[in-house]
Amino acid sequence: MVALPPLSATGVGYGLLPIEGLLPMEGTLFGAPLQNLLVAIVALAVIVLVGRFVLSVAWKLLIVAGVIVAALYLLSLLGL
């Protein structure tokens, strides 16, 4: 088994990128905390709206699948 050399402090040794300098150091992404809160609320609203659409489609697919499986089950009971 080949021994790998030890990682450097930044992790660059195995093709990883150093993360220093990539993230803002102030703790806020858009400047003011209220801007961050607004962006978070808008993002959550978009996620909820998309989720509602996906779930409505999923319920319809489940109902159709249930009807099909029930019909196939009844046909198998009748021997058809």
C-alpha atoms as a PDB file:
ATOM      1  CA  MET A   1       0.000   0.000   0.000  1.00  0.00           C
ATOM      2  CA  VAL A   2       1.362   3.413  -0.938  1.00  0.00           C
ATOM      3  CA  ALA A   3       1.569   5.969   1.854  1.00  0.00           C
ATOM      4  CA  LEU A   4       0.176   9.378   0.979  1.00  0.00           C
ATOM      5  CA  PRO A   5       2.090  12.485   1.967  1.00  0.00           C
ATOM      6  CA  PRO A   6       0.533  14.480   4.813  1.00  0.00           C
ATOM      7  CA  LEU A   7      -1.947  17.206   3.960  1.00  0.00           C
ATOM      8  CA  SER A   8      -0.845  20.774   4.178  1.00  0.00           C
ATOM      9  CA  ALA A   9      -2.694  23.157   6.486  1.00  0.00           C
ATOM     10  CA  THR A  10      -4.948  24.350   3.657  1.00  0.00           C
ATOM     11  CA  GLY A  11      -5.696  20.908   2.239  1.00  0.00           C
ATOM     12  CA  VAL A  12      -4.248  21.804  -1.173  1.00  0.00           C
ATOM     13  CA  GLY A  13      -2.172  18.629  -1.187  1.00  0.00           C
ATOM     14  CA  TYR A  14      -4.990  16.442  -2.535  1.00  0.00           C
ATOM     15  CA  GLY A  15      -6.525  18.807  -5.053  1.00  0.00           C
ATOM     16  CA  LEU A  16      -8.673  20.645  -2.535  1.00  0.00           C
ATOM     17  CA  LEU A  17      -8.999  24.381  -2.747  1.00  0.00           C
ATOM     18  CA  PRO A  18      -8.178  26.542   0.241  1.00  0.00           C
ATOM     19  CA  ILE A  19     -11.285  28.188   1.629  1.00  0.00           C
ATOM     20  CA  GLU A  20      -9.532  31.178   3.154  1.00  0.00           C
ATOM     21  CA  GLY A  21     -10.668  34.355   1.459  1.00  0.00           C
ATOM     22  CA  LEU A  22     -13.651  32.756  -0.272  1.00  0.00           C
ATOM     23  CA  LEU A  23     -16.185  33.602   2.428  1.00  0.00           C
ATOM     24  CA  PRO A  24     -16.854  37.044   3.838  1.00  0.00           C
ATOM     25  CA  MET A  25     -15.351  37.480   7.260  1.00  0.00           C
ATOM     26  CA  GLU A  26     -17.935  39.957   8.605  1.00  0.00           C
ATOM     27  CA  GLY A  27     -20.515  37.251   9.156  1.00  0.00           C
ATOM     28  CA  THR A  28     -23.068  38.788   6.792  1.00  0.00           C
ATOM     29  CA  LEU A  29     -23.486  37.931   3.154  1.00  0.00           C
ATOM     30  CA  PHE A  30     -25.224  41.022   1.812  1.00  0.00           C
ATOM     31  CA  GLY A  31     -24.066  43.700   4.247  1.00  0.00           C
ATOM     32  CA  ALA A  32     -26.898  44.476   6.634  1.00  0.00           C
ATOM     33  CA  PRO A  33     -28.529  41.812   8.816  1.00  0.00           C
ATOM     34  CA  LEU A  34     -31.987  42.854   7.594  1.00  0.00           C
ATOM     35  CA  GLN A  35     -30.897  42.228   4.013  1.00  0.00           C
ATOM     36  CA  ASN A  36     -29.796  38.748   5.018  1.00  0.00           C
ATOM     37  CA  LEU A  37     -33.133  38.164   6.728  1.00  0.00           C
ATOM     38  CA  LEU A  38     -35.055  39.361   3.672  1.00  0.00           C
ATOM     39  CA  VAL A  39     -33.035  37.120   1.347  1.00  0.00           C
ATOM     40  CA  ALA A  40     -33.593  34.154   3.683  1.00  0.00           C
ATOM     41  CA  ILE A  41     -37.356  34.764   3.845  1.00  0.00           C
ATOM     42  CA  VAL A  42     -37.624  35.109   0.064  1.00  0.00           C
ATOM     43  CA  ALA A  43     -35.588  31.917  -0.402  1.00  0.00           C
ATOM     44  CA  LEU A  44     -37.844  30.037   2.027  1.00  0.00           C
ATOM     45  CA  ALA A  45     -40.945  31.356   0.254  1.00  0.00           C
ATOM     46  CA  VAL A  46     -39.622  30.117  -3.095  1.00  0.00           C
ATOM     47  CA  ILE A  47     -38.823  26.718  -1.579  1.00  0.00           C
ATOM     48  CA  VAL A  48     -42.316  26.450  -0.078  1.00  0.00           C
ATOM     49  CA  LEU A  49     -44.007  27.442  -3.344  1.00  0.00           C
ATOM     50  CA  VAL A  50     -41.966  24.949  -5.359  1.00  0.00           C
ATOM     51  CA  GLY A  51     -42.594  22.306  -2.707  1.00  0.00           C
ATOM     52  CA  ARG A  52     -46.343  22.879  -2.856  1.00  0.00           C
ATOM     53  CA  PHE A  53     -46.291  22.423  -6.631  1.00  0.00           C
ATOM     54  CA  VAL A  54     -44.187  19.256  -6.424  1.00  0.00           C
ATOM     55  CA  LEU A  55     -46.402  17.791  -3.705  1.00  0.00           C
ATOM     56  CA  SER A  56     -49.567  18.517  -5.657  1.00  0.00           C
ATOM     57  CA  VAL A  57     -48.121  16.655  -8.634  1.00  0.00           C
ATOM     58  CA  ALA A  58     -46.922  13.845  -6.363  1.00  0.00           C
ATOM     59  CA  TRP A  59     -50.397  13.390  -4.858  1.00  0.00           C
ATOM     60  CA  LYS A  60     -51.926  13.103  -8.310  1.00  0.00           C
ATOM     61  CA  LEU A  61     -49.323  10.528  -9.319  1.00  0.00           C
ATOM     62  CA  LEU A  62     -49.973   8.533  -6.148  1.00  0.00           C
ATOM     63  CA  ILE A  63     -53.720   8.523  -6.754  1.00  0.00           C
ATOM     64  CA  VAL A  64     -53.271   7.374 -10.355  1.00  0.00           C
ATOM     65  CA  ALA A  65     -50.778   4.689  -9.276  1.00  0.00           C
ATOM     66  CA  GLY A  66     -53.143   3.495  -6.538  1.00  0.00           C
ATOM     67  CA  VAL A  67     -56.052   3.204  -8.976  1.00  0.00           C
ATOM     68  CA  ILE A  68     -53.921   1.296 -11.479  1.00  0.00           C
ATOM     69  CA  VAL A  69     -52.576  -1.113  -8.853  1.00  0.00           C
ATOM     70  CA  ALA A  70     -56.068  -1.669  -7.439  1.00  0.00           C
ATOM     71  CA  ALA A  71     -57.413  -2.403 -10.930  1.00  0.00           C
ATOM     72  CA  LEU A  72     -54.580  -4.837 -11.644  1.00  0.00           C
ATOM     73  CA  TYR A  73     -55.162  -6.509  -8.264  1.00  0.00           C
ATOM     74  CA  LEU A  74     -58.872  -6.937  -8.986  1.00  0.00           C
ATOM     75  CA  LEU A  75     -58.091  -8.332 -12.432  1.00  0.00           C
ATOM     76  CA  SER A  76     -55.669 -10.824 -10.889  1.00  0.00           C
ATOM     77  CA  LEU A  77     -58.314 -11.913  -8.365  1.00  0.00           C
ATOM     78  CA  LEU A  78     -60.773 -12.529 -11.190  1.00  0.00           C
ATOM     79  CA  GLY A  79     -58.124 -14.510 -13.098  1.00  0.00           C
ATOM     80  CA  LEU A  80     -58.105 -12.221 -16.123  1.00  0.00           C
END
